[in-house]
Structure formats: structure tokens, C-alpha cells
Amino acid sequence: SKVGSPSSRIDRTDFSNEKTISNLEYSNFSIRY
């Protein structure tokens, strides 16, 4: 919401589908294309 990459400008960040989960669905963090 506030930092981002050094050259970025964040106007706003929308968050949705926020929920409690019992297990992680991913084993790492990745860039998708």
C-alpha cells in the first residue's frame, strides 16, 4: 500500500477475499507471467 519498488508510485491498493485459512496453498512466492 505504501512502499513498493523505489521507482514506483502507488495510487491505491485494493484488497479482497481476505480470509483465515487452515493451510498454505503455495510453498513459495513467485512472479507469474
PDB file of all heavy atoms in Angstrom:
ATOM      1  N   SER A   1       0.805  -1.231   0.000  1.00  0.00           N
ATOM      2  CA  SER A   1       0.000   0.000   0.000  1.00  0.00           C
ATOM      3  C   SER A   1       0.831   1.270   0.000  1.00  0.00           C
ATOM      4  O   SER A   1       0.405   2.291  -0.538  1.00  0.00           O
ATOM      5  CB  SER A   1      -0.899   0.038   1.240  1.00  0.00           C
ATOM      6  OG  SER A   1      -1.777  -1.040   1.250  1.00  0.00           O
ATOM      7  N   LYS A   2       2.020   1.215   0.620  1.00  0.00           N
ATOM      8  CA  LYS A   2       2.755   2.454   0.881  1.00  0.00           C
ATOM      9  C   LYS A   2       4.179   2.517   0.334  1.00  0.00           C
ATOM     10  O   LYS A   2       4.704   3.598   0.127  1.00  0.00           O
ATOM     11  CB  LYS A   2       2.817   2.697   2.391  1.00  0.00           C
ATOM     12  CG  LYS A   2       1.463   2.923   3.031  1.00  0.00           C
ATOM     13  CD  LYS A   2       1.610   3.062   4.531  1.00  0.00           C
ATOM     14  CE  LYS A   2       0.337   3.413   5.257  1.00  0.00           C
ATOM     15  NZ  LYS A   2      -0.810   2.598   4.975  1.00  0.00           N
ATOM     16  N   VAL A   3       4.813   1.365   0.103  1.00  0.00           N
ATOM     17  CA  VAL A   3       6.244   1.379  -0.230  1.00  0.00           C
ATOM     18  C   VAL A   3       6.487   1.025  -1.692  1.00  0.00           C
ATOM     19  O   VAL A   3       6.862   1.874  -2.488  1.00  0.00           O
ATOM     20  CB  VAL A   3       7.049   0.458   0.711  1.00  0.00           C
ATOM     21  CG1 VAL A   3       8.535   0.533   0.384  1.00  0.00           C
ATOM     22  CG2 VAL A   3       6.798   0.813   2.168  1.00  0.00           C
ATOM     23  N   GLY A   4       6.312  -0.241  -2.052  1.00  0.00           N
ATOM     24  CA  GLY A   4       6.557  -0.676  -3.427  1.00  0.00           C
ATOM     25  C   GLY A   4       8.019  -0.603  -3.812  1.00  0.00           C
ATOM     26  O   GLY A   4       8.901  -0.492  -2.972  1.00  0.00           O
ATOM     27  N   SER A   5       8.276  -0.671  -5.113  1.00  0.00           N
ATOM     28  CA  SER A   5       9.655  -0.582  -5.598  1.00  0.00           C
ATOM     29  C   SER A   5      10.097   0.880  -5.583  1.00  0.00           C
ATOM     30  O   SER A   5       9.255   1.786  -5.574  1.00  0.00           O
ATOM     31  CB  SER A   5       9.766  -1.169  -7.011  1.00  0.00           C
ATOM     32  OG  SER A   5       9.040  -0.383  -7.931  1.00  0.00           O
ATOM     33  N   PRO A   6      11.417   1.131  -5.579  1.00  0.00           N
ATOM     34  CA  PRO A   6      11.908   2.517  -5.475  1.00  0.00           C
ATOM     35  C   PRO A   6      11.362   3.472  -6.539  1.00  0.00           C
ATOM     36  O   PRO A   6      11.106   4.635  -6.238  1.00  0.00           O
ATOM     37  CB  PRO A   6      13.423   2.363  -5.603  1.00  0.00           C
ATOM     38  CG  PRO A   6      13.707   0.979  -5.120  1.00  0.00           C
ATOM     39  CD  PRO A   6      12.513   0.163  -5.553  1.00  0.00           C
ATOM     40  N   SER A   7      11.150   2.996  -7.760  1.00  0.00           N
ATOM     41  CA  SER A   7      10.687   3.885  -8.835  1.00  0.00           C
ATOM     42  C   SER A   7       9.174   3.877  -9.027  1.00  0.00           C
ATOM     43  O   SER A   7       8.655   4.546  -9.911  1.00  0.00           O
ATOM     44  CB  SER A   7      11.357   3.491 -10.158  1.00  0.00           C
ATOM     45  OG  SER A   7      12.758   3.600 -10.043  1.00  0.00           O
ATOM     46  N   SER A   8       8.464   3.120  -8.204  1.00  0.00           N
ATOM     47  CA  SER A   8       7.013   3.030  -8.378  1.00  0.00           C
ATOM     48  C   SER A   8       6.311   4.216  -7.715  1.00  0.00           C
ATOM     49  O   SER A   8       6.882   4.934  -6.902  1.00  0.00           O
ATOM     50  CB  SER A   8       6.478   1.720  -7.783  1.00  0.00           C
ATOM     51  OG  SER A   8       6.603   1.714  -6.373  1.00  0.00           O
ATOM     52  N   ARG A   9       5.047   4.392  -8.114  1.00  0.00           N
ATOM     53  CA  ARG A   9       4.164   5.355  -7.445  1.00  0.00           C
ATOM     54  C   ARG A   9       2.854   4.614  -7.196  1.00  0.00           C
ATOM     55  O   ARG A   9       2.163   4.227  -8.135  1.00  0.00           O
ATOM     56  CB  ARG A   9       3.907   6.587  -8.309  1.00  0.00           C
ATOM     57  CG  ARG A   9       3.073   7.668  -7.584  1.00  0.00           C
ATOM     58  CD  ARG A   9       2.462   8.697  -8.531  1.00  0.00           C
ATOM     59  NE  ARG A   9       1.351   8.110  -9.288  1.00  0.00           N
ATOM     60  CZ  ARG A   9       1.350   7.904 -10.609  1.00  0.00           C
ATOM     61  NH1 ARG A   9       2.395   8.230 -11.347  1.00  0.00           N
ATOM     62  NH2 ARG A   9       0.296   7.362 -11.201  1.00  0.00           N
ATOM     63  N   ILE A  10       2.530   4.382  -5.953  1.00  0.00           N
ATOM     64  CA  ILE A  10       1.305   3.658  -5.609  1.00  0.00           C
ATOM     65  C   ILE A  10       0.195   4.672  -5.375  1.00  0.00           C
ATOM     66  O   ILE A  10       0.272   5.498  -4.468  1.00  0.00           O
ATOM     67  CB  ILE A  10       1.519   2.784  -4.351  1.00  0.00           C
ATOM     68  CG1 ILE A  10       2.606   1.744  -4.621  1.00  0.00           C
ATOM     69  CG2 ILE A  10       0.204   2.122  -3.934  1.00  0.00           C
ATOM     70  CD1 ILE A  10       3.083   0.998  -3.393  1.00  0.00           C
ATOM     71  N   ASP A  11      -0.840   4.622  -6.235  1.00  0.00           N
ATOM     72  CA  ASP A  11      -2.001   5.489  -6.050  1.00  0.00           C
ATOM     73  C   ASP A  11      -2.976   4.876  -5.054  1.00  0.00           C
ATOM     74  O   ASP A  11      -3.527   5.567  -4.206  1.00  0.00           O
ATOM     75  CB  ASP A  11      -2.706   5.749  -7.380  1.00  0.00           C
ATOM     76  CG  ASP A  11      -1.854   6.576  -8.336  1.00  0.00           C
ATOM     77  OD1 ASP A  11      -0.935   7.282  -7.861  1.00  0.00           O
ATOM     78  OD2 ASP A  11      -2.097   6.510  -9.549  1.00  0.00           O
ATOM     79  N   ARG A  12      -3.200   3.575  -5.192  1.00  0.00           N
ATOM     80  CA  ARG A  12      -4.051   2.866  -4.229  1.00  0.00           C
ATOM     81  C   ARG A  12      -3.829   1.373  -4.382  1.00  0.00           C
ATOM     82  O   ARG A  12      -3.386   0.897  -5.429  1.00  0.00           O
ATOM     83  CB  ARG A  12      -5.511   3.243  -4.403  1.00  0.00           C
ATOM     84  CG  ARG A  12      -6.298   2.453  -5.398  1.00  0.00           C
ATOM     85  CD  ARG A  12      -7.799   2.789  -5.362  1.00  0.00           C
ATOM     86  NE  ARG A  12      -8.533   1.797  -6.107  1.00  0.00           N
ATOM     87  CZ  ARG A  12      -8.823   1.914  -7.404  1.00  0.00           C
ATOM     88  NH1 ARG A  12      -8.451   2.973  -8.084  1.00  0.00           N
ATOM     89  NH2 ARG A  12      -9.489   0.951  -8.009  1.00  0.00           N
ATOM     90  N   THR A  13      -4.162   0.646  -3.328  1.00  0.00           N
ATOM     91  CA  THR A  13      -4.110  -0.809  -3.356  1.00  0.00           C
ATOM     92  C   THR A  13      -5.436  -1.333  -2.843  1.00  0.00           C
ATOM     93  O   THR A  13      -5.887  -0.931  -1.773  1.00  0.00           O
ATOM     94  CB  THR A  13      -2.948  -1.347  -2.488  1.00  0.00           C
ATOM     95  OG1 THR A  13      -1.726  -0.757  -2.930  1.00  0.00           O
ATOM     96  CG2 THR A  13      -2.832  -2.862  -2.587  1.00  0.00           C
ATOM     97  N   ASP A  14      -6.074  -2.184  -3.634  1.00  0.00           N
ATOM     98  CA  ASP A  14      -7.337  -2.809  -3.237  1.00  0.00           C
ATOM     99  C   ASP A  14      -7.053  -4.217  -2.739  1.00  0.00           C
ATOM    100  O   ASP A  14      -6.322  -4.972  -3.390  1.00  0.00           O
ATOM    101  CB  ASP A  14      -8.304  -2.889  -4.424  1.00  0.00           C
ATOM    102  CG  ASP A  14      -8.808  -1.525  -4.863  1.00  0.00           C
ATOM    103  OD1 ASP A  14      -8.609  -0.534  -4.119  1.00  0.00           O
ATOM    104  OD2 ASP A  14      -9.399  -1.455  -5.956  1.00  0.00           O
ATOM    105  N   PHE A  15      -7.645  -4.555  -1.600  1.00  0.00           N
ATOM    106  CA  PHE A  15      -7.528  -5.898  -1.045  1.00  0.00           C
ATOM    107  C   PHE A  15      -8.906  -6.543  -1.063  1.00  0.00           C
ATOM    108  O   PHE A  15      -9.915  -5.887  -0.795  1.00  0.00           O
ATOM    109  CB  PHE A  15      -6.984  -5.846   0.384  1.00  0.00           C
ATOM    110  CG  PHE A  15      -5.587  -5.295   0.451  1.00  0.00           C
ATOM    111  CD1 PHE A  15      -5.359  -3.969   0.798  1.00  0.00           C
ATOM    112  CD2 PHE A  15      -4.494  -6.095   0.152  1.00  0.00           C
ATOM    113  CE1 PHE A  15      -4.082  -3.457   0.838  1.00  0.00           C
ATOM    114  CE2 PHE A  15      -3.206  -5.595   0.196  1.00  0.00           C
ATOM    115  CZ  PHE A  15      -2.994  -4.264   0.538  1.00  0.00           C
ATOM    116  N   SER A  16      -8.958  -7.835  -1.401  1.00  0.00           N
ATOM    117  CA  SER A  16     -10.229  -8.548  -1.462  1.00  0.00           C
ATOM    118  C   SER A  16     -10.031 -10.005  -1.039  1.00  0.00           C
ATOM    119  O   SER A  16      -8.897 -10.477  -0.931  1.00  0.00           O
ATOM    120  CB  SER A  16     -10.804  -8.489  -2.876  1.00  0.00           C
ATOM    121  OG  SER A  16      -9.906  -9.080  -3.795  1.00  0.00           O
ATOM    122  N   ASN A  17     -11.136 -10.680  -0.813  1.00  0.00           N
ATOM    123  CA  ASN A  17     -11.119 -12.104  -0.441  1.00  0.00           C
ATOM    124  C   ASN A  17     -10.220 -12.383   0.759  1.00  0.00           C
ATOM    125  O   ASN A  17      -9.565 -13.434   0.813  1.00  0.00           O
ATOM    126  CB  ASN A  17     -10.701 -12.985  -1.629  1.00  0.00           C
ATOM    127  CG  ASN A  17     -11.641 -12.843  -2.793  1.00  0.00           C
ATOM    128  OD1 ASN A  17     -12.855 -12.765  -2.626  1.00  0.00           O
ATOM    129  ND2 ASN A  17     -11.087 -12.783  -3.992  1.00  0.00           N
ATOM    130  N   GLU A  18     -10.185 -11.462   1.714  1.00  0.00           N
ATOM    131  CA  GLU A  18      -9.362 -11.662   2.903  1.00  0.00           C
ATOM    132  C   GLU A  18     -10.050 -12.682   3.802  1.00  0.00           C
ATOM    133  O   GLU A  18     -11.223 -12.541   4.133  1.00  0.00           O
ATOM    134  CB  GLU A  18      -9.186 -10.332   3.638  1.00  0.00           C
ATOM    135  CG  GLU A  18      -8.109 -10.380   4.673  1.00  0.00           C
ATOM    136  CD  GLU A  18      -7.619  -8.992   5.067  1.00  0.00           C
ATOM    137  OE1 GLU A  18      -7.813  -8.032   4.294  1.00  0.00           O
ATOM    138  OE2 GLU A  18      -7.040  -8.896   6.142  1.00  0.00           O
ATOM    139  N   LYS A  19      -9.304 -13.750   4.153  1.00  0.00           N
ATOM    140  CA  LYS A  19      -9.913 -14.817   4.945  1.00  0.00           C
ATOM    141  C   LYS A  19      -8.862 -15.585   5.733  1.00  0.00           C
ATOM    142  O   LYS A  19      -7.673 -15.563   5.397  1.00  0.00           O
ATOM    143  CB  LYS A  19     -10.678 -15.769   4.030  1.00  0.00           C
ATOM    144  CG  LYS A  19      -9.800 -16.415   2.961  1.00  0.00           C
ATOM    145  CD  LYS A  19     -10.621 -17.174   1.932  1.00  0.00           C
ATOM    146  CE  LYS A  19      -9.719 -17.650   0.803  1.00  0.00           C
ATOM    147  NZ  LYS A  19     -10.455 -18.165  -0.332  1.00  0.00           N
ATOM    148  N   THR A  20      -9.323 -16.268   6.761  1.00  0.00           N
ATOM    149  CA  THR A  20      -8.475 -17.168   7.531  1.00  0.00           C
ATOM    150  C   THR A  20      -8.461 -18.507   6.802  1.00  0.00           C
ATOM    151  O   THR A  20      -9.499 -18.967   6.323  1.00  0.00           O
ATOM    152  CB  THR A  20      -9.030 -17.338   8.958  1.00  0.00           C
ATOM    153  OG1 THR A  20      -9.069 -16.058   9.580  1.00  0.00           O
ATOM    154  CG2 THR A  20      -8.151 -18.265   9.779  1.00  0.00           C
ATOM    155  N   ILE A  21      -7.281 -19.103   6.705  1.00  0.00           N
ATOM    156  CA  ILE A  21      -7.140 -20.400   6.025  1.00  0.00           C
ATOM    157  C   ILE A  21      -6.471 -21.390   6.974  1.00  0.00           C
ATOM    158  O   ILE A  21      -5.776 -20.986   7.921  1.00  0.00           O
ATOM    159  CB  ILE A  21      -6.331 -20.275   4.709  1.00  0.00           C
ATOM    160  CG1 ILE A  21      -4.954 -19.645   4.956  1.00  0.00           C
ATOM    161  CG2 ILE A  21      -7.106 -19.466   3.678  1.00  0.00           C
ATOM    162  CD1 ILE A  21      -4.048 -19.618   3.744  1.00  0.00           C
ATOM    163  N   SER A  22      -6.673 -22.675   6.731  1.00  0.00           N
ATOM    164  CA  SER A  22      -6.071 -23.682   7.607  1.00  0.00           C
ATOM    165  C   SER A  22      -4.719 -24.161   7.086  1.00  0.00           C
ATOM    166  O   SER A  22      -3.886 -24.618   7.866  1.00  0.00           O
ATOM    167  CB  SER A  22      -7.022 -24.862   7.798  1.00  0.00           C
ATOM    168  OG  SER A  22      -7.421 -25.371   6.551  1.00  0.00           O
ATOM    169  N   ASN A  23      -4.506 -24.049   5.768  1.00  0.00           N
ATOM    170  CA  ASN A  23      -3.235 -24.477   5.172  1.00  0.00           C
ATOM    171  C   ASN A  23      -2.819 -23.507   4.080  1.00  0.00           C
ATOM    172  O   ASN A  23      -3.675 -22.941   3.396  1.00  0.00           O
ATOM    173  CB  ASN A  23      -3.366 -25.870   4.532  1.00  0.00           C
ATOM    174  CG  ASN A  23      -3.662 -26.937   5.542  1.00  0.00           C
ATOM    175  OD1 ASN A  23      -2.912 -27.110   6.488  1.00  0.00           O
ATOM    176  ND2 ASN A  23      -4.764 -27.638   5.356  1.00  0.00           N
ATOM    177  N   LEU A  24      -1.505 -23.350   3.904  1.00  0.00           N
ATOM    178  CA  LEU A  24      -0.994 -22.526   2.809  1.00  0.00           C
ATOM    179  C   LEU A  24      -1.217 -23.253   1.487  1.00  0.00           C
ATOM    180  O   LEU A  24      -1.038 -24.466   1.410  1.00  0.00           O
ATOM    181  CB  LEU A  24       0.500 -22.252   3.003  1.00  0.00           C
ATOM    182  CG  LEU A  24       0.879 -21.475   4.258  1.00  0.00           C
ATOM    183  CD1 LEU A  24       2.394 -21.405   4.393  1.00  0.00           C
ATOM    184  CD2 LEU A  24       0.275 -20.083   4.242  1.00  0.00           C
ATOM    185  N   GLU A  25      -1.579 -22.511   0.459  1.00  0.00           N
ATOM    186  CA  GLU A  25      -1.799 -23.105  -0.860  1.00  0.00           C
ATOM    187  C   GLU A  25      -0.538 -23.080  -1.724  1.00  0.00           C
ATOM    188  O   GLU A  25      -0.511 -23.681  -2.795  1.00  0.00           O
ATOM    189  CB  GLU A  25      -2.915 -22.359  -1.580  1.00  0.00           C
ATOM    190  CG  GLU A  25      -4.262 -22.467  -0.879  1.00  0.00           C
ATOM    191  CD  GLU A  25      -5.311 -21.548  -1.474  1.00  0.00           C
ATOM    192  OE1 GLU A  25      -5.207 -21.204  -2.672  1.00  0.00           O
ATOM    193  OE2 GLU A  25      -6.232 -21.159  -0.738  1.00  0.00           O
ATOM    194  N   TYR A  26       0.492 -22.371  -1.271  1.00  0.00           N
ATOM    195  CA  TYR A  26       1.744 -22.229  -2.035  1.00  0.00           C
ATOM    196  C   TYR A  26       2.913 -22.575  -1.128  1.00  0.00           C
ATOM    197  O   TYR A  26       2.826 -22.450   0.093  1.00  0.00           O
ATOM    198  CB  TYR A  26       1.900 -20.798  -2.553  1.00  0.00           C
ATOM    199  CG  TYR A  26       0.667 -20.304  -3.273  1.00  0.00           C
ATOM    200  CD1 TYR A  26      -0.266 -19.487  -2.630  1.00  0.00           C
ATOM    201  CD2 TYR A  26       0.399 -20.666  -4.589  1.00  0.00           C
ATOM    202  CE1 TYR A  26      -1.408 -19.055  -3.273  1.00  0.00           C
ATOM    203  CE2 TYR A  26      -0.740 -20.242  -5.242  1.00  0.00           C
ATOM    204  CZ  TYR A  26      -1.647 -19.429  -4.579  1.00  0.00           C
ATOM    205  OH  TYR A  26      -2.779 -19.013  -5.217  1.00  0.00           O
ATOM    206  N   SER A  27       4.024 -22.969  -1.738  1.00  0.00           N
ATOM    207  CA  SER A  27       5.214 -23.288  -0.942  1.00  0.00           C
ATOM    208  C   SER A  27       6.246 -22.170  -1.000  1.00  0.00           C
ATOM    209  O   SER A  27       7.225 -22.192  -0.267  1.00  0.00           O
ATOM    210  CB  SER A  27       5.842 -24.607  -1.434  1.00  0.00           C
ATOM    211  OG  SER A  27       6.157 -24.491  -2.805  1.00  0.00           O
ATOM    212  N   ASN A  28       6.030 -21.191  -1.884  1.00  0.00           N
ATOM    213  CA  ASN A  28       6.955 -20.067  -2.012  1.00  0.00           C
ATOM    214  C   ASN A  28       6.213 -18.871  -2.582  1.00  0.00           C
ATOM    215  O   ASN A  28       5.006 -18.916  -2.745  1.00  0.00           O
ATOM    216  CB  ASN A  28       8.160 -20.444  -2.876  1.00  0.00           C
ATOM    217  CG  ASN A  28       7.752 -20.781  -4.306  1.00  0.00           C
ATOM    218  OD1 ASN A  28       6.604 -20.649  -4.700  1.00  0.00           O
ATOM    219  ND2 ASN A  28       8.705 -21.239  -5.080  1.00  0.00           N
ATOM    220  N   PHE A  29       6.946 -17.808  -2.892  1.00  0.00           N
ATOM    221  CA  PHE A  29       6.364 -16.644  -3.542  1.00  0.00           C
ATOM    222  C   PHE A  29       6.967 -16.549  -4.933  1.00  0.00           C
ATOM    223  O   PHE A  29       8.180 -16.642  -5.087  1.00  0.00           O
ATOM    224  CB  PHE A  29       6.658 -15.366  -2.762  1.00  0.00           C
ATOM    225  CG  PHE A  29       5.760 -14.231  -3.162  1.00  0.00           C
ATOM    226  CD1 PHE A  29       4.586 -13.974  -2.474  1.00  0.00           C
ATOM    227  CD2 PHE A  29       6.071 -13.437  -4.258  1.00  0.00           C
ATOM    228  CE1 PHE A  29       3.733 -12.946  -2.861  1.00  0.00           C
ATOM    229  CE2 PHE A  29       5.226 -12.403  -4.657  1.00  0.00           C
ATOM    230  CZ  PHE A  29       4.063 -12.160  -3.948  1.00  0.00           C
ATOM    231  N   SER A  30       6.118 -16.369  -5.952  1.00  0.00           N
ATOM    232  CA  SER A  30       6.628 -16.379  -7.318  1.00  0.00           C
ATOM    233  C   SER A  30       6.043 -15.249  -8.160  1.00  0.00           C
ATOM    234  O   SER A  30       4.988 -14.708  -7.847  1.00  0.00           O
ATOM    235  CB  SER A  30       6.312 -17.727  -7.981  1.00  0.00           C
ATOM    236  OG  SER A  30       4.909 -17.906  -8.063  1.00  0.00           O
ATOM    237  N   ILE A  31       6.766 -14.952  -9.239  1.00  0.00           N
ATOM    238  CA  ILE A  31       6.294 -13.992 -10.243  1.00  0.00           C
ATOM    239  C   ILE A  31       5.601 -14.817 -11.319  1.00  0.00           C
ATOM    240  O   ILE A  31       6.173 -15.779 -11.834  1.00  0.00           O
ATOM    241  CB  ILE A  31       7.458 -13.186 -10.836  1.00  0.00           C
ATOM    242  CG1 ILE A  31       8.122 -12.329  -9.745  1.00  0.00           C
ATOM    243  CG2 ILE A  31       6.972 -12.327 -11.996  1.00  0.00           C
ATOM    244  CD1 ILE A  31       9.370 -11.603 -10.197  1.00  0.00           C
ATOM    245  N   ARG A  32       4.385 -14.436 -11.649  1.00  0.00           N
ATOM    246  CA  ARG A  32       3.652 -15.116 -12.721  1.00  0.00           C
ATOM    247  C   ARG A  32       3.673 -14.244 -13.971  1.00  0.00           C
ATOM    248  O   ARG A  32       3.736 -13.028 -13.886  1.00  0.00           O
ATOM    249  CB  ARG A  32       2.203 -15.369 -12.311  1.00  0.00           C
ATOM    250  CG  ARG A  32       2.064 -16.411 -11.225  1.00  0.00           C
ATOM    251  CD  ARG A  32       0.618 -16.745 -10.979  1.00  0.00           C
ATOM    252  NE  ARG A  32       0.493 -17.807  -9.995  1.00  0.00           N
ATOM    253  CZ  ARG A  32      -0.667 -18.256  -9.539  1.00  0.00           C
ATOM    254  NH1 ARG A  32      -1.809 -17.749 -10.001  1.00  0.00           N
ATOM    255  NH2 ARG A  32      -0.719 -19.198  -8.653  1.00  0.00           N
ATOM    256  N   TYR A  33       3.570 -14.904 -15.124  1.00  0.00           N
ATOM    257  CA  TYR A  33       3.594 -14.207 -16.399  1.00  0.00           C
ATOM    258  C   TYR A  33       2.340 -14.482 -17.199  1.00  0.00           C
ATOM    259  O   TYR A  33       1.646 -15.419 -16.974  1.00  0.00           O
ATOM    260  CB  TYR A  33       4.839 -14.609 -17.208  1.00  0.00           C
ATOM    261  CG  TYR A  33       6.111 -14.222 -16.495  1.00  0.00           C
ATOM    262  CD1 TYR A  33       6.760 -15.128 -15.660  1.00  0.00           C
ATOM    263  CD2 TYR A  33       6.641 -12.943 -16.623  1.00  0.00           C
ATOM    264  CE1 TYR A  33       7.908 -14.766 -14.992  1.00  0.00           C
ATOM    265  CE2 TYR A  33       7.796 -12.569 -15.958  1.00  0.00           C
ATOM    266  CZ  TYR A  33       8.430 -13.491 -15.142  1.00  0.00           C
ATOM    267  OH  TYR A  33       9.564 -13.124 -14.488  1.00  0.00           O
TER     268      TYR A  33
END
